[in-house]
Amino acid sequence: MKNLATKLILSGIFIIVLSGLEKILIFMSFRGQGVMDSHTLKNLTPSVIWNVTQSTKIFGVCILIIGIVFFMIKKPTCSRSV
């Protein structure tokens, strides 16, 4: 169970980082047009593309939370009396 939890936590972190990278790439694509703040960037970016980055971030957070929950769950142990 801990092995799965560790994989989910790492996957969640990776997906959140990927979301940030997507936003950086969008910012860099509009760099020559004088975009200096996030509000202008949201107005220039089509909503479908901006929603993809938001969905990626939300999915990453969900995977991260699931991994943390799995990590905290204790595996039941079988006690055998001889």
PDB file of N, CA and C in Angstrom:
ATOM      1  N   MET A   1       0.821  -1.186   0.000  1.00  0.00           N
ATOM      2  CA  MET A   1       0.000   0.000   0.000  1.00  0.00           C
ATOM      3  C   MET A   1       0.875   1.263   0.000  1.00  0.00           C
ATOM      4  N   LYS A   2       1.994   1.206   0.731  1.00  0.00           N
ATOM      5  CA  LYS A   2       2.887   2.364   0.788  1.00  0.00           C
ATOM      6  C   LYS A   2       3.559   2.603  -0.563  1.00  0.00           C
ATOM      7  N   ASN A   3       3.835   1.527  -1.294  1.00  0.00           N
ATOM      8  CA  ASN A   3       4.463   1.655  -2.601  1.00  0.00           C
ATOM      9  C   ASN A   3       3.519   2.370  -3.576  1.00  0.00           C
ATOM     10  N   LEU A   4       2.250   1.994  -3.557  1.00  0.00           N
ATOM     11  CA  LEU A   4       1.251   2.642  -4.407  1.00  0.00           C
ATOM     12  C   LEU A   4       1.080   4.098  -4.006  1.00  0.00           C
ATOM     13  N   ALA A   5       1.055   4.356  -2.700  1.00  0.00           N
ATOM     14  CA  ALA A   5       0.899   5.724  -2.219  1.00  0.00           C
ATOM     15  C   ALA A   5       2.049   6.611  -2.669  1.00  0.00           C
ATOM     16  N   THR A   6       3.247   6.071  -2.590  1.00  0.00           N
ATOM     17  CA  THR A   6       4.419   6.836  -3.023  1.00  0.00           C
ATOM     18  C   THR A   6       4.349   7.149  -4.510  1.00  0.00           C
ATOM     19  N   LYS A   7       3.927   6.180  -5.294  1.00  0.00           N
ATOM     20  CA  LYS A   7       3.796   6.408  -6.738  1.00  0.00           C
ATOM     21  C   LYS A   7       2.730   7.460  -7.040  1.00  0.00           C
ATOM     22  N   LEU A   8       1.610   7.420  -6.312  1.00  0.00           N
ATOM     23  CA  LEU A   8       0.550   8.407  -6.524  1.00  0.00           C
ATOM     24  C   LEU A   8       1.005   9.801  -6.115  1.00  0.00           C
ATOM     25  N   ILE A   9       1.728   9.901  -5.008  1.00  0.00           N
ATOM     26  CA  ILE A   9       2.218  11.205  -4.567  1.00  0.00           C
ATOM     27  C   ILE A   9       3.183  11.786  -5.595  1.00  0.00           C
ATOM     28  N   LEU A  10       4.108  10.982  -6.064  1.00  0.00           N
ATOM     29  CA  LEU A  10       5.060  11.459  -7.071  1.00  0.00           C
ATOM     30  C   LEU A  10       4.371  11.816  -8.383  1.00  0.00           C
ATOM     31  N   SER A  11       3.369  11.032  -8.767  1.00  0.00           N
ATOM     32  CA  SER A  11       2.616  11.339  -9.989  1.00  0.00           C
ATOM     33  C   SER A  11       1.852  12.644  -9.842  1.00  0.00           C
ATOM     34  N   GLY A  12       1.247  12.852  -8.682  1.00  0.00           N
ATOM     35  CA  GLY A  12       0.521  14.095  -8.436  1.00  0.00           C
ATOM     36  C   GLY A  12       1.424  15.305  -8.510  1.00  0.00           C
ATOM     37  N   ILE A  13       2.607  15.196  -7.898  1.00  0.00           N
ATOM     38  CA  ILE A  13       3.564  16.304  -7.949  1.00  0.00           C
ATOM     39  C   ILE A  13       4.008  16.554  -9.387  1.00  0.00           C
ATOM     40  N   PHE A  14       4.272  15.485 -10.127  1.00  0.00           N
ATOM     41  CA  PHE A  14       4.690  15.626 -11.527  1.00  0.00           C
ATOM     42  C   PHE A  14       3.606  16.315 -12.358  1.00  0.00           C
ATOM     43  N   ILE A  15       2.353  15.953 -12.145  1.00  0.00           N
ATOM     44  CA  ILE A  15       1.259  16.552 -12.920  1.00  0.00           C
ATOM     45  C   ILE A  15       1.072  18.024 -12.556  1.00  0.00           C
ATOM     46  N   ILE A  16       1.239  18.370 -11.280  1.00  0.00           N
ATOM     47  CA  ILE A  16       1.139  19.777 -10.879  1.00  0.00           C
ATOM     48  C   ILE A  16       2.273  20.593 -11.523  1.00  0.00           C
ATOM     49  N   VAL A  17       3.474  20.030 -11.540  1.00  0.00           N
ATOM     50  CA  VAL A  17       4.602  20.709 -12.192  1.00  0.00           C
ATOM     51  C   VAL A  17       4.337  20.859 -13.688  1.00  0.00           C
ATOM     52  N   LEU A  18       3.759  19.837 -14.297  1.00  0.00           N
ATOM     53  CA  LEU A  18       3.411  19.908 -15.716  1.00  0.00           C
ATOM     54  C   LEU A  18       2.428  21.048 -15.975  1.00  0.00           C
ATOM     55  N   SER A  19       1.462  21.230 -15.094  1.00  0.00           N
ATOM     56  CA  SER A  19       0.507  22.328 -15.233  1.00  0.00           C
ATOM     57  C   SER A  19       1.216  23.679 -15.190  1.00  0.00           C
ATOM     58  N   GLY A  20       2.160  23.814 -14.268  1.00  0.00           N
ATOM     59  CA  GLY A  20       2.928  25.058 -14.200  1.00  0.00           C
ATOM     60  C   GLY A  20       3.748  25.292 -15.455  1.00  0.00           C
ATOM     61  N   LEU A  21       4.324  24.218 -15.992  1.00  0.00           N
ATOM     62  CA  LEU A  21       5.095  24.331 -17.226  1.00  0.00           C
ATOM     63  C   LEU A  21       4.201  24.760 -18.392  1.00  0.00           C
ATOM     64  N   GLU A  22       2.979  24.228 -18.430  1.00  0.00           N
ATOM     65  CA  GLU A  22       2.042  24.635 -19.479  1.00  0.00           C
ATOM     66  C   GLU A  22       1.760  26.129 -19.397  1.00  0.00           C
ATOM     67  N   LYS A  23       1.566  26.641 -18.190  1.00  0.00           N
ATOM     68  CA  LYS A  23       1.291  28.073 -18.027  1.00  0.00           C
ATOM     69  C   LYS A  23       2.502  28.920 -18.405  1.00  0.00           C
ATOM     70  N   ILE A  24       3.696  28.432 -18.081  1.00  0.00           N
ATOM     71  CA  ILE A  24       4.907  29.156 -18.473  1.00  0.00           C
ATOM     72  C   ILE A  24       5.028  29.202 -19.994  1.00  0.00           C
ATOM     73  N   LEU A  25       4.729  28.091 -20.662  1.00  0.00           N
ATOM     74  CA  LEU A  25       4.798  28.067 -22.130  1.00  0.00           C
ATOM     75  C   LEU A  25       3.776  29.009 -22.750  1.00  0.00           C
ATOM     76  N   ILE A  26       2.591  29.074 -22.175  1.00  0.00           N
ATOM     77  CA  ILE A  26       1.581  30.018 -22.674  1.00  0.00           C
ATOM     78  C   ILE A  26       2.071  31.448 -22.484  1.00  0.00           C
ATOM     79  N   PHE A  27       2.640  31.734 -21.315  1.00  0.00           N
ATOM     80  CA  PHE A  27       3.172  33.078 -21.059  1.00  0.00           C
ATOM     81  C   PHE A  27       4.278  33.430 -22.034  1.00  0.00           C
ATOM     82  N   MET A  28       5.167  32.471 -22.295  1.00  0.00           N
ATOM     83  CA  MET A  28       6.276  32.733 -23.216  1.00  0.00           C
ATOM     84  C   MET A  28       5.791  32.939 -24.650  1.00  0.00           C
ATOM     85  N   SER A  29       4.683  32.306 -25.018  1.00  0.00           N
ATOM     86  CA  SER A  29       4.180  32.481 -26.387  1.00  0.00           C
ATOM     87  C   SER A  29       3.613  33.885 -26.610  1.00  0.00           C
ATOM     88  N   PHE A  30       3.159  34.547 -25.540  1.00  0.00           N
ATOM     89  CA  PHE A  30       2.619  35.902 -25.673  1.00  0.00           C
ATOM     90  C   PHE A  30       3.616  36.962 -25.208  1.00  0.00           C
ATOM     91  N   ARG A  31       4.844  36.585 -24.984  1.00  0.00           N
ATOM     92  CA  ARG A  31       5.850  37.483 -24.426  1.00  0.00           C
ATOM     93  C   ARG A  31       6.096  38.709 -25.303  1.00  0.00           C
ATOM     94  N   GLY A  32       6.109  38.548 -26.593  1.00  0.00           N
ATOM     95  CA  GLY A  32       6.377  39.659 -27.499  1.00  0.00           C
ATOM     96  C   GLY A  32       5.225  40.629 -27.643  1.00  0.00           C
ATOM     97  N   GLN A  33       4.051  40.284 -27.096  1.00  0.00           N
ATOM     98  CA  GLN A  33       2.877  41.138 -27.227  1.00  0.00           C
ATOM     99  C   GLN A  33       2.665  42.035 -26.009  1.00  0.00           C
ATOM    100  N   GLY A  34       3.633  42.116 -25.142  1.00  0.00           N
ATOM    101  CA  GLY A  34       3.549  43.014 -24.000  1.00  0.00           C
ATOM    102  C   GLY A  34       2.709  42.487 -22.846  1.00  0.00           C
ATOM    103  N   VAL A  35       2.609  41.198 -22.716  1.00  0.00           N
ATOM    104  CA  VAL A  35       1.839  40.608 -21.611  1.00  0.00           C
ATOM    105  C   VAL A  35       2.737  40.558 -20.388  1.00  0.00           C
ATOM    106  N   MET A  36       2.326  41.271 -19.333  1.00  0.00           N
ATOM    107  CA  MET A  36       3.122  41.296 -18.113  1.00  0.00           C
ATOM    108  C   MET A  36       2.357  40.803 -16.886  1.00  0.00           C
ATOM    109  N   ASP A  37       1.057  40.579 -16.994  1.00  0.00           N
ATOM    110  CA  ASP A  37       0.305  40.103 -15.830  1.00  0.00           C
ATOM    111  C   ASP A  37      -0.620  38.965 -16.241  1.00  0.00           C
ATOM    112  N   SER A  38      -1.108  38.239 -15.234  1.00  0.00           N
ATOM    113  CA  SER A  38      -1.919  37.050 -15.512  1.00  0.00           C
ATOM    114  C   SER A  38      -3.307  37.397 -16.043  1.00  0.00           C
ATOM    115  N   HIS A  39      -3.834  38.552 -15.670  1.00  0.00           N
ATOM    116  CA  HIS A  39      -5.175  38.933 -16.148  1.00  0.00           C
ATOM    117  C   HIS A  39      -5.171  39.141 -17.663  1.00  0.00           C
ATOM    118  N   THR A  40      -4.184  39.846 -18.164  1.00  0.00           N
ATOM    119  CA  THR A  40      -4.057  40.051 -19.612  1.00  0.00           C
ATOM    120  C   THR A  40      -3.807  38.720 -20.319  1.00  0.00           C
ATOM    121  N   LEU A  41      -3.013  37.885 -19.696  1.00  0.00           N
ATOM    122  CA  LEU A  41      -2.720  36.573 -20.278  1.00  0.00           C
ATOM    123  C   LEU A  41      -3.990  35.740 -20.408  1.00  0.00           C
ATOM    124  N   LYS A  42      -4.851  35.764 -19.394  1.00  0.00           N
ATOM    125  CA  LYS A  42      -6.118  35.020 -19.455  1.00  0.00           C
ATOM    126  C   LYS A  42      -7.032  35.572 -20.543  1.00  0.00           C
ATOM    127  N   ASN A  43      -7.003  36.886 -20.734  1.00  0.00           N
ATOM    128  CA  ASN A  43      -7.849  37.482 -21.774  1.00  0.00           C
ATOM    129  C   ASN A  43      -7.370  37.131 -23.182  1.00  0.00           C
ATOM    130  N   LEU A  44      -6.071  37.018 -23.376  1.00  0.00           N
ATOM    131  CA  LEU A  44      -5.534  36.718 -24.705  1.00  0.00           C
ATOM    132  C   LEU A  44      -5.579  35.230 -25.045  1.00  0.00           C
ATOM    133  N   THR A  45      -5.536  34.378 -24.028  1.00  0.00           N
ATOM    134  CA  THR A  45      -5.515  32.933 -24.253  1.00  0.00           C
ATOM    135  C   THR A  45      -6.937  32.417 -24.452  1.00  0.00           C
ATOM    136  N   PRO A  46      -7.171  31.579 -25.457  1.00  0.00           N
ATOM    137  CA  PRO A  46      -8.506  30.977 -25.608  1.00  0.00           C
ATOM    138  C   PRO A  46      -8.880  30.181 -24.355  1.00  0.00           C
ATOM    139  N   SER A  47     -10.153  30.240 -24.003  1.00  0.00           N
ATOM    140  CA  SER A  47     -10.589  29.620 -22.745  1.00  0.00           C
ATOM    141  C   SER A  47     -10.356  28.111 -22.733  1.00  0.00           C
ATOM    142  N   VAL A  48     -10.436  27.477 -23.889  1.00  0.00           N
ATOM    143  CA  VAL A  48     -10.220  26.027 -23.940  1.00  0.00           C
ATOM    144  C   VAL A  48      -8.789  25.682 -23.522  1.00  0.00           C
ATOM    145  N   ILE A  49      -7.829  26.433 -24.007  1.00  0.00           N
ATOM    146  CA  ILE A  49      -6.430  26.169 -23.664  1.00  0.00           C
ATOM    147  C   ILE A  49      -6.184  26.467 -22.187  1.00  0.00           C
ATOM    148  N   TRP A  50      -6.745  27.562 -21.684  1.00  0.00           N
ATOM    149  CA  TRP A  50      -6.556  27.896 -20.273  1.00  0.00           C
ATOM    150  C   TRP A  50      -7.222  26.853 -19.372  1.00  0.00           C
ATOM    151  N   ASN A  51      -8.362  26.319 -19.803  1.00  0.00           N
ATOM    152  CA  ASN A  51      -9.045  25.290 -19.008  1.00  0.00           C
ATOM    153  C   ASN A  51      -8.251  23.987 -18.959  1.00  0.00           C
ATOM    154  N   VAL A  52      -7.486  23.693 -20.000  1.00  0.00           N
ATOM    155  CA  VAL A  52      -6.648  22.489 -19.988  1.00  0.00           C
ATOM    156  C   VAL A  52      -5.606  22.591 -18.879  1.00  0.00           C
ATOM    157  N   THR A  53      -4.982  23.753 -18.732  1.00  0.00           N
ATOM    158  CA  THR A  53      -3.979  23.909 -17.676  1.00  0.00           C
ATOM    159  C   THR A  53      -4.624  23.836 -16.293  1.00  0.00           C
ATOM    160  N   GLN A  54      -5.805  24.414 -16.142  1.00  0.00           N
ATOM    161  CA  GLN A  54      -6.507  24.350 -14.859  1.00  0.00           C
ATOM    162  C   GLN A  54      -6.924  22.914 -14.545  1.00  0.00           C
ATOM    163  N   SER A  55      -7.408  22.196 -15.542  1.00  0.00           N
ATOM    164  CA  SER A  55      -7.818  20.803 -15.335  1.00  0.00           C
ATOM    165  C   SER A  55      -6.624  19.930 -14.954  1.00  0.00           C
ATOM    166  N   THR A  56      -5.486  20.186 -15.586  1.00  0.00           N
ATOM    167  CA  THR A  56      -4.281  19.432 -15.260  1.00  0.00           C
ATOM    168  C   THR A  56      -3.882  19.671 -13.813  1.00  0.00           C
ATOM    169  N   LYS A  57      -3.964  20.908 -13.372  1.00  0.00           N
ATOM    170  CA  LYS A  57      -3.601  21.233 -11.991  1.00  0.00           C
ATOM    171  C   LYS A  57      -4.559  20.582 -10.999  1.00  0.00           C
ATOM    172  N   ILE A  58      -5.861  20.645 -11.270  1.00  0.00           N
ATOM    173  CA  ILE A  58      -6.856  20.041 -10.380  1.00  0.00           C
ATOM    174  C   ILE A  58      -6.670  18.525 -10.321  1.00  0.00           C
ATOM    175  N   PHE A  59      -6.433  17.893 -11.463  1.00  0.00           N
ATOM    176  CA  PHE A  59      -6.191  16.449 -11.507  1.00  0.00           C
ATOM    177  C   PHE A  59      -4.951  16.081 -10.701  1.00  0.00           C
ATOM    178  N   GLY A  60      -3.900  16.871 -10.825  1.00  0.00           N
ATOM    179  CA  GLY A  60      -2.682  16.613 -10.071  1.00  0.00           C
ATOM    180  C   GLY A  60      -2.891  16.731  -8.573  1.00  0.00           C
ATOM    181  N   VAL A  61      -3.653  17.728  -8.158  1.00  0.00           N
ATOM    182  CA  VAL A  61      -3.942  17.892  -6.729  1.00  0.00           C
ATOM    183  C   VAL A  61      -4.770  16.715  -6.216  1.00  0.00           C
ATOM    184  N   CYS A  62      -5.744  16.270  -7.006  1.00  0.00           N
ATOM    185  CA  CYS A  62      -6.563  15.118  -6.599  1.00  0.00           C
ATOM    186  C   CYS A  62      -5.712  13.858  -6.447  1.00  0.00           C
ATOM    187  N   ILE A  63      -4.833  13.600  -7.394  1.00  0.00           N
ATOM    188  CA  ILE A  63      -3.955  12.431  -7.324  1.00  0.00           C
ATOM    189  C   ILE A  63      -3.033  12.537  -6.112  1.00  0.00           C
ATOM    190  N   LEU A  64      -2.531  13.731  -5.845  1.00  0.00           N
ATOM    191  CA  LEU A  64      -1.663  13.946  -4.695  1.00  0.00           C
ATOM    192  C   LEU A  64      -2.408  13.667  -3.389  1.00  0.00           C
ATOM    193  N   ILE A  65      -3.635  14.154  -3.263  1.00  0.00           N
ATOM    194  CA  ILE A  65      -4.434  13.928  -2.057  1.00  0.00           C
ATOM    195  C   ILE A  65      -4.748  12.447  -1.877  1.00  0.00           C
ATOM    196  N   ILE A  66      -5.096  11.774  -2.964  1.00  0.00           N
ATOM    197  CA  ILE A  66      -5.373  10.337  -2.882  1.00  0.00           C
ATOM    198  C   ILE A  66      -4.122   9.589  -2.419  1.00  0.00           C
ATOM    199  N   GLY A  67      -2.963   9.974  -2.929  1.00  0.00           N
ATOM    200  CA  GLY A  67      -1.713   9.345  -2.508  1.00  0.00           C
ATOM    201  C   GLY A  67      -1.419   9.563  -1.033  1.00  0.00           C
ATOM    202  N   ILE A  68      -1.687  10.763  -0.549  1.00  0.00           N
ATOM    203  CA  ILE A  68      -1.470  11.052   0.872  1.00  0.00           C
ATOM    204  C   ILE A  68      -2.422  10.243   1.738  1.00  0.00           C
ATOM    205  N   VAL A  69      -3.683  10.123   1.309  1.00  0.00           N
ATOM    206  CA  VAL A  69      -4.659   9.330   2.065  1.00  0.00           C
ATOM    207  C   VAL A  69      -4.228   7.868   2.098  1.00  0.00           C
ATOM    208  N   PHE A  70      -3.808   7.331   0.963  1.00  0.00           N
ATOM    209  CA  PHE A  70      -3.338   5.941   0.926  1.00  0.00           C
ATOM    210  C   PHE A  70      -2.114   5.745   1.814  1.00  0.00           C
ATOM    211  N   PHE A  71      -1.264   6.759   1.865  1.00  0.00           N
ATOM    212  CA  PHE A  71      -0.062   6.650   2.680  1.00  0.00           C
ATOM    213  C   PHE A  71      -0.403   6.617   4.171  1.00  0.00           C
ATOM    214  N   MET A  72      -1.463   7.314   4.553  1.00  0.00           N
ATOM    215  CA  MET A  72      -1.838   7.388   5.958  1.00  0.00           C
ATOM    216  C   MET A  72      -2.681   6.205   6.430  1.00  0.00           C
ATOM    217  N   ILE A  73      -3.288   5.485   5.498  1.00  0.00           N
ATOM    218  CA  ILE A  73      -4.103   4.334   5.874  1.00  0.00           C
ATOM    219  C   ILE A  73      -3.181   3.210   6.327  1.00  0.00           C
ATOM    220  N   LYS A  74      -3.498   2.682   7.485  1.00  0.00           N
ATOM    221  CA  LYS A  74      -2.700   1.562   7.988  1.00  0.00           C
ATOM    222  C   LYS A  74      -3.289   0.269   7.469  1.00  0.00           C
ATOM    223  N   LYS A  75      -2.417  -0.591   7.036  1.00  0.00           N
ATOM    224  CA  LYS A  75      -2.836  -1.879   6.524  1.00  0.00           C
ATOM    225  C   LYS A  75      -3.215  -2.775   7.714  1.00  0.00           C
ATOM    226  N   PRO A  76      -4.394  -3.369   7.688  1.00  0.00           N
ATOM    227  CA  PRO A  76      -4.766  -4.204   8.824  1.00  0.00           C
ATOM    228  C   PRO A  76      -3.867  -5.450   8.912  1.00  0.00           C
ATOM    229  N   THR A  77      -3.496  -5.759  10.124  1.00  0.00           N
ATOM    230  CA  THR A  77      -2.634  -6.917  10.326  1.00  0.00           C
ATOM    231  C   THR A  77      -3.469  -8.065  10.905  1.00  0.00           C
ATOM    232  N   CYS A  78      -3.148  -9.228  10.499  1.00  0.00           N
ATOM    233  CA  CYS A  78      -3.836 -10.432  10.999  1.00  0.00           C
ATOM    234  C   CYS A  78      -3.070 -10.937  12.211  1.00  0.00           C
ATOM    235  N   SER A  79      -3.774 -11.035  13.305  1.00  0.00           N
ATOM    236  CA  SER A  79      -3.124 -11.585  14.506  1.00  0.00           C
ATOM    237  C   SER A  79      -3.570 -13.038  14.660  1.00  0.00           C
ATOM    238  N   ARG A  80      -2.611 -13.890  14.712  1.00  0.00           N
ATOM    239  CA  ARG A  80      -2.909 -15.328  14.831  1.00  0.00           C
ATOM    240  C   ARG A  80      -2.482 -15.785  16.231  1.00  0.00           C
ATOM    241  N   SER A  81      -3.372 -16.410  16.883  1.00  0.00           N
ATOM    242  CA  SER A  81      -3.017 -16.959  18.193  1.00  0.00           C
ATOM    243  C   SER A  81      -2.716 -18.445  18.043  1.00  0.00           C
ATOM    244  N   VAL A  82      -1.646 -18.859  18.615  1.00  0.00           N
ATOM    245  CA  VAL A  82      -1.211 -20.254  18.492  1.00  0.00           C
ATOM    246  C   VAL A  82      -1.520 -21.012  19.740  1.00  0.00           C
TER     247      VAL A  82
END
